[in-house]
Structure formats: structure tokens, C-alpha cells
């Protein structure tokens, strides 16, 4: 995407959550995690690349000892139909016996998060929690639900605060939606073919 197209997309987009609302949701999640995991010494696994902004701002708000690592997943085939999972960076054996906290940007269909949780538990984790900044409300059953959620978003294609559109605007402090697009489920993956950002999550 060239610079002008990126600017045009942002100019035409609808603001869903201001930077202030985003920060309020961030602090809410941090407070919930502090209350639940303060004595667990968890291993925090950030899901690249959508969760990079959320993770980076969340960690300084957590007031307990923790270890940190990341995982990175991509899909082959049609992301909207699930596709085949490919681990770019898979969870390591270091999860064995640990309490693990998965941190992701948005929970859409739930498939990616469910796969990650299953893999972490297969490797011997004692417990696997999940925190997502946003939970997309599309009315369909999800195979997994996050333990900690910042805010809920409508079923639209969203970007900003770690979520991209055609590779751009992860760096926005607020969250926007593409205008004139009623349903966003599955389309988040289609922004960059093969790359898993949100859906099917």
C-alpha cells in the first residue's frame, strides 16, 4: 500500500474508539490480570504481529514478576475458511509446568486462539489464560472465550492499535472501522493474504 492510499483509507474510516477509550480499556484489562495472576509468575506469550502494541503497553502495567516470549502463526489457503496453520514461531517446551497468559489483539472467530491454547496445554502448561484487547461481536459461536477482554467491537473490519489494514496503520492510538462495510468477520485475515492477525481467531 502506498502512502496516499493509506491516508485515504484513514480519512474515510469511521472512528470507533478514541485513544482515551483505548487506554481506559487497556488499564481495565491490566487491573483484571493483576488481580488474577499476581501470585502465579506467568509466562506471557504475545501473539505476533497484531498484539505487539497491546503487549507493549500492557506489560508495564502488570505489577508482578513474569517471563515473556512470543508466538507467530500464519495460515495457508483461505483464511476466511480456516486454512492450514503454519507456525513461524511456535510455543517452546518452556511452557511446561507454567501458568501461561496468551496476549492477542482481537478475538474474532476464535480458531487461532483455540489452537494456541491447545498447543500450550499439549506442551504441559499448568494453566492457560488469554487476554485480548477486543472481542468482536458477530453473534456466532466461538470455540474459545478470552479470560480478560478490554472492549467489545461490532462485526466490522477494524484497524488501529496493532490491527492493520493492508499492512498499514497498526501504529494508530485509536480504533477505526472501514466505512460502508457491514460485516467484518473473516475479512481481517484478508487484509494481508496468509497472515493471521485477528480472524479466524
C-alpha atoms as a PDB file:
ATOM      1  CA  UNK A   1       0.000   0.000   0.000  1.00  0.00           C
ATOM      2  CA  UNK A   2       1.343   3.438  -0.874  1.00  0.00           C
ATOM      3  CA  UNK A   3       1.242   6.412   1.478  1.00  0.00           C
ATOM      4  CA  UNK A   4      -1.611   8.197  -0.282  1.00  0.00           C
ATOM      5  CA  UNK A   5      -3.865   5.132  -0.239  1.00  0.00           C
ATOM      6  CA  UNK A   6      -3.163   4.641   3.460  1.00  0.00           C
ATOM      7  CA  UNK A   7      -4.076   8.257   4.165  1.00  0.00           C
ATOM      8  CA  UNK A   8      -7.238   7.999   2.077  1.00  0.00           C
ATOM      9  CA  UNK A   9      -8.362   4.893   3.978  1.00  0.00           C
ATOM     10  CA  UNK A  10      -7.887   6.622   7.312  1.00  0.00           C
ATOM     11  CA  UNK A  11      -9.627   9.791   6.165  1.00  0.00           C
ATOM     12  CA  UNK A  12     -12.675   7.809   5.022  1.00  0.00           C
ATOM     13  CA  UNK A  13     -12.802   5.489   8.051  1.00  0.00           C
ATOM     14  CA  UNK A  14     -15.143   5.760  10.999  1.00  0.00           C
ATOM     15  CA  UNK A  15     -13.684   6.291  14.459  1.00  0.00           C
ATOM     16  CA  UNK A  16     -14.966   3.550  16.765  1.00  0.00           C
ATOM     17  CA  UNK A  17     -12.838   4.045  19.888  1.00  0.00           C
ATOM     18  CA  UNK A  18     -10.870   7.143  20.760  1.00  0.00           C
ATOM     19  CA  UNK A  19      -7.325   6.948  22.110  1.00  0.00           C
ATOM     20  CA  UNK A  20      -8.733   7.762  25.543  1.00  0.00           C
ATOM     21  CA  UNK A  21     -11.213   4.886  25.357  1.00  0.00           C
ATOM     22  CA  UNK A  22      -8.460   2.555  24.217  1.00  0.00           C
ATOM     23  CA  UNK A  23      -6.279   3.498  27.173  1.00  0.00           C
ATOM     24  CA  UNK A  24      -9.175   3.085  29.587  1.00  0.00           C
ATOM     25  CA  UNK A  25      -9.772  -0.437  28.235  1.00  0.00           C
ATOM     26  CA  UNK A  26      -6.058  -1.195  28.482  1.00  0.00           C
ATOM     27  CA  UNK A  27      -5.946  -0.194  32.145  1.00  0.00           C
ATOM     28  CA  UNK A  28      -9.095  -2.209  32.856  1.00  0.00           C
ATOM     29  CA  UNK A  29      -7.507  -5.355  31.444  1.00  0.00           C
ATOM     30  CA  UNK A  30      -4.297  -4.736  33.379  1.00  0.00           C
ATOM     31  CA  UNK A  31      -6.260  -4.380  36.611  1.00  0.00           C
ATOM     32  CA  UNK A  32      -8.090  -7.648  35.951  1.00  0.00           C
ATOM     33  CA  UNK A  33      -4.853  -9.501  35.207  1.00  0.00           C
ATOM     34  CA  UNK A  34      -3.141  -8.052  38.278  1.00  0.00           C
ATOM     35  CA  UNK A  35      -5.986  -9.327  40.410  1.00  0.00           C
ATOM     36  CA  UNK A  36      -5.951 -12.819  38.932  1.00  0.00           C
ATOM     37  CA  UNK A  37      -2.289 -13.603  38.250  1.00  0.00           C
ATOM     38  CA  UNK A  38      -0.288 -11.634  40.800  1.00  0.00           C
ATOM     39  CA  UNK A  39       0.953 -14.778  42.569  1.00  0.00           C
ATOM     40  CA  UNK A  40       1.236 -17.048  39.501  1.00  0.00           C
ATOM     41  CA  UNK A  41       4.579 -15.892  37.991  1.00  0.00           C
ATOM     42  CA  UNK A  42       3.131 -16.441  34.496  1.00  0.00           C
ATOM     43  CA  UNK A  43       4.829 -16.834  31.159  1.00  0.00           C
ATOM     44  CA  UNK A  44       3.303 -14.153  28.921  1.00  0.00           C
ATOM     45  CA  UNK A  45       3.163 -15.108  25.241  1.00  0.00           C
ATOM     46  CA  UNK A  46       2.385 -12.279  22.822  1.00  0.00           C
ATOM     47  CA  UNK A  47       0.796 -13.284  19.520  1.00  0.00           C
ATOM     48  CA  UNK A  48       2.679 -11.539  16.711  1.00  0.00           C
ATOM     49  CA  UNK A  49       2.208  -9.298  14.997  1.00  0.00           C
ATOM     50  CA  UNK A  50      -1.202  -7.866  15.940  1.00  0.00           C
ATOM     51  CA  UNK A  51      -0.598  -7.939  19.687  1.00  0.00           C
ATOM     52  CA  UNK A  52       2.675  -6.016  19.611  1.00  0.00           C
ATOM     53  CA  UNK A  53       1.104  -2.668  20.592  1.00  0.00           C
ATOM     54  CA  UNK A  54      -1.261  -4.145  23.171  1.00  0.00           C
ATOM     55  CA  UNK A  55       1.511  -6.253  24.723  1.00  0.00           C
ATOM     56  CA  UNK A  56       3.988  -3.399  24.795  1.00  0.00           C
ATOM     57  CA  UNK A  57       1.596  -1.121  26.659  1.00  0.00           C
ATOM     58  CA  UNK A  58       0.145  -3.849  28.874  1.00  0.00           C
ATOM     59  CA  UNK A  59       3.372  -5.228  30.344  1.00  0.00           C
ATOM     60  CA  UNK A  60       4.423  -2.034  32.187  1.00  0.00           C
ATOM     61  CA  UNK A  61       1.018  -2.011  33.912  1.00  0.00           C
ATOM     62  CA  UNK A  62       1.431  -5.501  35.369  1.00  0.00           C
ATOM     63  CA  UNK A  63       2.766  -5.300  38.909  1.00  0.00           C
ATOM     64  CA  UNK A  64       4.116  -8.834  39.406  1.00  0.00           C
ATOM     65  CA  UNK A  65       7.100 -10.905  38.202  1.00  0.00           C
ATOM     66  CA  UNK A  66       6.615 -12.562  34.827  1.00  0.00           C
ATOM     67  CA  UNK A  67       8.509 -14.097  31.933  1.00  0.00           C
ATOM     68  CA  UNK A  68       7.899 -13.003  28.351  1.00  0.00           C
ATOM     69  CA  UNK A  69       8.087 -14.626  24.930  1.00  0.00           C
ATOM     70  CA  UNK A  70       6.092 -14.573  21.715  1.00  0.00           C
ATOM     71  CA  UNK A  71       4.470 -16.849  19.147  1.00  0.00           C
ATOM     72  CA  UNK A  72       3.801 -16.207  15.475  1.00  0.00           C
ATOM     73  CA  UNK A  73       1.295 -18.059  13.323  1.00  0.00           C
ATOM     74  CA  UNK A  74       0.354 -17.803   9.663  1.00  0.00           C
ATOM     75  CA  UNK A  75      -2.231 -19.585   7.549  1.00  0.00           C
ATOM     76  CA  UNK A  76      -2.153 -21.133   4.131  1.00  0.00           C
ATOM     77  CA  UNK A  77      -5.233 -21.121   1.943  1.00  0.00           C
ATOM     78  CA  UNK A  78      -8.401 -19.145   2.523  1.00  0.00           C
ATOM     79  CA  UNK A  79      -8.124 -17.530   5.946  1.00  0.00           C
ATOM     80  CA  UNK A  80     -11.869 -16.958   5.994  1.00  0.00           C
ATOM     81  CA  UNK A  81     -12.416 -20.719   5.837  1.00  0.00           C
ATOM     82  CA  UNK A  82      -9.734 -21.529   8.374  1.00  0.00           C
ATOM     83  CA  UNK A  83      -6.835 -22.547   6.151  1.00  0.00           C
ATOM     84  CA  UNK A  84      -3.844 -24.550   7.347  1.00  0.00           C
ATOM     85  CA  UNK A  85      -1.914 -23.371  10.379  1.00  0.00           C
ATOM     86  CA  UNK A  86       1.802 -22.744   9.995  1.00  0.00           C
ATOM     87  CA  UNK A  87       3.973 -21.967  12.994  1.00  0.00           C
ATOM     88  CA  UNK A  88       6.515 -19.270  12.245  1.00  0.00           C
ATOM     89  CA  UNK A  89       7.451 -19.242  15.926  1.00  0.00           C
ATOM     90  CA  UNK A  90       5.794 -21.993  17.940  1.00  0.00           C
ATOM     91  CA  UNK A  91       5.421 -22.213  21.720  1.00  0.00           C
ATOM     92  CA  UNK A  92       8.508 -23.748  23.300  1.00  0.00           C
ATOM     93  CA  UNK A  93       8.907 -26.536  25.821  1.00  0.00           C
ATOM     94  CA  UNK A  94       9.478 -23.785  28.388  1.00  0.00           C
ATOM     95  CA  UNK A  95       5.701 -23.640  28.902  1.00  0.00           C
ATOM     96  CA  UNK A  96       5.790 -26.996  30.708  1.00  0.00           C
ATOM     97  CA  UNK A  97       4.522 -26.658  34.253  1.00  0.00           C
ATOM     98  CA  UNK A  98       3.908 -22.932  33.827  1.00  0.00           C
ATOM     99  CA  UNK A  99       0.882 -20.706  34.051  1.00  0.00           C
ATOM    100  CA  UNK A 100       0.706 -19.125  30.588  1.00  0.00           C
ATOM    101  CA  UNK A 101      -1.021 -15.894  29.553  1.00  0.00           C
ATOM    102  CA  UNK A 102      -1.660 -15.542  25.810  1.00  0.00           C
ATOM    103  CA  UNK A 103      -1.986 -11.911  24.716  1.00  0.00           C
ATOM    104  CA  UNK A 104      -3.666 -11.118  21.397  1.00  0.00           C
ATOM    105  CA  UNK A 105      -5.190  -8.078  19.742  1.00  0.00           C
ATOM    106  CA  UNK A 106      -8.701  -9.249  18.889  1.00  0.00           C
ATOM    107  CA  UNK A 107     -10.879 -12.338  19.233  1.00  0.00           C
ATOM    108  CA  UNK A 108     -12.887 -12.824  16.067  1.00  0.00           C
ATOM    109  CA  UNK A 109     -13.853 -16.378  15.078  1.00  0.00           C
ATOM    110  CA  UNK A 110     -11.664 -17.854  17.819  1.00  0.00           C
ATOM    111  CA  UNK A 111      -9.794 -20.507  15.813  1.00  0.00           C
ATOM    112  CA  UNK A 112      -6.292 -19.129  16.232  1.00  0.00           C
ATOM    113  CA  UNK A 113      -6.610 -18.580  19.967  1.00  0.00           C
ATOM    114  CA  UNK A 114      -8.148 -22.033  20.422  1.00  0.00           C
ATOM    115  CA  UNK A 115      -5.256 -23.617  18.508  1.00  0.00           C
ATOM    116  CA  UNK A 116      -2.709 -21.710  20.574  1.00  0.00           C
ATOM    117  CA  UNK A 117      -4.322 -22.725  23.846  1.00  0.00           C
ATOM    118  CA  UNK A 118      -4.487 -26.353  22.759  1.00  0.00           C
ATOM    119  CA  UNK A 119      -0.809 -26.357  21.780  1.00  0.00           C
ATOM    120  CA  UNK A 120       0.311 -24.723  25.030  1.00  0.00           C
ATOM    121  CA  UNK A 121      -1.625 -27.262  27.097  1.00  0.00           C
ATOM    122  CA  UNK A 122      -0.297 -30.142  24.999  1.00  0.00           C
ATOM    123  CA  UNK A 123       3.211 -28.969  25.867  1.00  0.00           C
ATOM    124  CA  UNK A 124       2.395 -29.346  29.533  1.00  0.00           C
ATOM    125  CA  UNK A 125       1.348 -25.905  30.741  1.00  0.00           C
ATOM    126  CA  UNK A 126      -0.326 -25.969  34.147  1.00  0.00           C
ATOM    127  CA  UNK A 127      -2.952 -23.418  33.095  1.00  0.00           C
ATOM    128  CA  UNK A 128      -3.500 -21.230  30.049  1.00  0.00           C
ATOM    129  CA  UNK A 129      -5.207 -17.845  30.342  1.00  0.00           C
ATOM    130  CA  UNK A 130      -5.890 -15.481  27.479  1.00  0.00           C
ATOM    131  CA  UNK A 131      -6.179 -11.711  27.227  1.00  0.00           C
ATOM    132  CA  UNK A 132      -7.460  -9.930  24.140  1.00  0.00           C
ATOM    133  CA  UNK A 133      -7.774  -6.237  23.688  1.00  0.00           C
ATOM    134  CA  UNK A 134     -11.024  -6.543  21.737  1.00  0.00           C
ATOM    135  CA  UNK A 135     -13.752  -9.150  21.308  1.00  0.00           C
ATOM    136  CA  UNK A 136     -15.633  -8.882  18.025  1.00  0.00           C
ATOM    137  CA  UNK A 137     -19.382  -9.385  18.404  1.00  0.00           C
ATOM    138  CA  UNK A 138     -20.672 -11.274  15.362  1.00  0.00           C
ATOM    139  CA  UNK A 139     -23.285 -13.495  17.012  1.00  0.00           C
ATOM    140  CA  UNK A 140     -21.754 -16.851  16.048  1.00  0.00           C
ATOM    141  CA  UNK A 141     -20.431 -19.456  18.500  1.00  0.00           C
ATOM    142  CA  UNK A 142     -16.698 -19.304  19.228  1.00  0.00           C
ATOM    143  CA  UNK A 143     -14.564 -22.300  20.206  1.00  0.00           C
ATOM    144  CA  UNK A 144     -12.877 -20.275  22.939  1.00  0.00           C
ATOM    145  CA  UNK A 145     -13.522 -17.230  25.090  1.00  0.00           C
ATOM    146  CA  UNK A 146     -10.886 -14.908  26.486  1.00  0.00           C
ATOM    147  CA  UNK A 147     -10.390 -14.628  30.228  1.00  0.00           C
ATOM    148  CA  UNK A 148      -9.599 -10.910  30.048  1.00  0.00           C
ATOM    149  CA  UNK A 149     -11.193  -8.546  27.499  1.00  0.00           C
ATOM    150  CA  UNK A 150     -10.602  -4.832  27.048  1.00  0.00           C
ATOM    151  CA  UNK A 151     -13.641  -3.916  24.988  1.00  0.00           C
ATOM    152  CA  UNK A 152     -16.188  -5.269  22.528  1.00  0.00           C
ATOM    153  CA  UNK A 153     -16.295  -4.245  18.882  1.00  0.00           C
ATOM    154  CA  UNK A 154     -19.009  -4.591  16.250  1.00  0.00           C
ATOM    155  CA  UNK A 155     -18.710  -7.040  13.368  1.00  0.00           C
ATOM    156  CA  UNK A 156     -16.792  -4.730  11.050  1.00  0.00           C
ATOM    157  CA  UNK A 157     -13.317  -4.546   9.558  1.00  0.00           C
ATOM    158  CA  UNK A 158     -11.327  -2.650  12.177  1.00  0.00           C
ATOM    159  CA  UNK A 159      -7.797  -1.295  12.301  1.00  0.00           C
ATOM    160  CA  UNK A 160      -5.530   0.641  14.610  1.00  0.00           C
ATOM    161  CA  UNK A 161      -3.907  -0.193  17.944  1.00  0.00           C
ATOM    162  CA  UNK A 162      -1.966  -3.117  16.494  1.00  0.00           C
ATOM    163  CA  UNK A 163      -4.558  -4.184  13.934  1.00  0.00           C
ATOM    164  CA  UNK A 164      -3.715  -3.419  10.335  1.00  0.00           C
ATOM    165  CA  UNK A 165      -5.433  -2.773   7.045  1.00  0.00           C
ATOM    166  CA  UNK A 166      -3.386  -3.977   4.086  1.00  0.00           C
ATOM    167  CA  UNK A 167      -0.328  -3.770   6.307  1.00  0.00           C
ATOM    168  CA  UNK A 168      -0.855  -0.167   7.389  1.00  0.00           C
ATOM    169  CA  UNK A 169      -1.990   1.735  10.485  1.00  0.00           C
ATOM    170  CA  UNK A 170      -1.048  -0.700  13.266  1.00  0.00           C
ATOM    171  CA  UNK A 171       0.505   2.365  14.909  1.00  0.00           C
ATOM    172  CA  UNK A 172      -2.732   4.313  15.395  1.00  0.00           C
ATOM    173  CA  UNK A 173      -3.609   5.005  19.055  1.00  0.00           C
ATOM    174  CA  UNK A 174      -7.351   4.733  18.324  1.00  0.00           C
ATOM    175  CA  UNK A 175      -9.509   2.115  16.574  1.00  0.00           C
ATOM    176  CA  UNK A 176     -11.254   2.750  13.260  1.00  0.00           C
ATOM    177  CA  UNK A 177     -13.649   0.819  11.034  1.00  0.00           C
ATOM    178  CA  UNK A 178     -13.853   0.772   7.273  1.00  0.00           C
ATOM    179  CA  UNK A 179     -16.982   2.596   6.196  1.00  0.00           C
ATOM    180  CA  UNK A 180     -19.753   1.013   4.128  1.00  0.00           C
ATOM    181  CA  UNK A 181     -18.802  -2.478   5.227  1.00  0.00           C
ATOM    182  CA  UNK A 182     -21.449  -4.187   7.294  1.00  0.00           C
ATOM    183  CA  UNK A 183     -19.728  -7.401   8.331  1.00  0.00           C
ATOM    184  CA  UNK A 184     -16.077  -7.734   9.192  1.00  0.00           C
ATOM    185  CA  UNK A 185     -15.796 -11.407  10.099  1.00  0.00           C
ATOM    186  CA  UNK A 186     -13.086 -13.168   8.175  1.00  0.00           C
ATOM    187  CA  UNK A 187     -12.058 -10.004   6.380  1.00  0.00           C
ATOM    188  CA  UNK A 188      -9.418  -9.087   8.928  1.00  0.00           C
ATOM    189  CA  UNK A 189      -7.333 -12.008   7.690  1.00  0.00           C
ATOM    190  CA  UNK A 190      -7.838 -10.988   4.115  1.00  0.00           C
ATOM    191  CA  UNK A 191      -6.027  -7.696   4.683  1.00  0.00           C
ATOM    192  CA  UNK A 192      -2.707  -9.451   4.093  1.00  0.00           C
ATOM    193  CA  UNK A 193      -3.089 -12.821   2.373  1.00  0.00           C
ATOM    194  CA  UNK A 194      -1.785 -15.634   4.521  1.00  0.00           C
ATOM    195  CA  UNK A 195      -1.054 -13.577   7.623  1.00  0.00           C
ATOM    196  CA  UNK A 196      -3.106 -14.199  10.746  1.00  0.00           C
ATOM    197  CA  UNK A 197      -3.958 -11.007  12.588  1.00  0.00           C
ATOM    198  CA  UNK A 198      -7.377 -11.451  14.029  1.00  0.00           C
ATOM    199  CA  UNK A 199      -9.691 -13.747  12.239  1.00  0.00           C
ATOM    200  CA  UNK A 200     -10.450 -16.549  12.370  1.00  0.00           C
ATOM    201  CA  UNK A 201      -9.356 -16.005  15.966  1.00  0.00           C
END
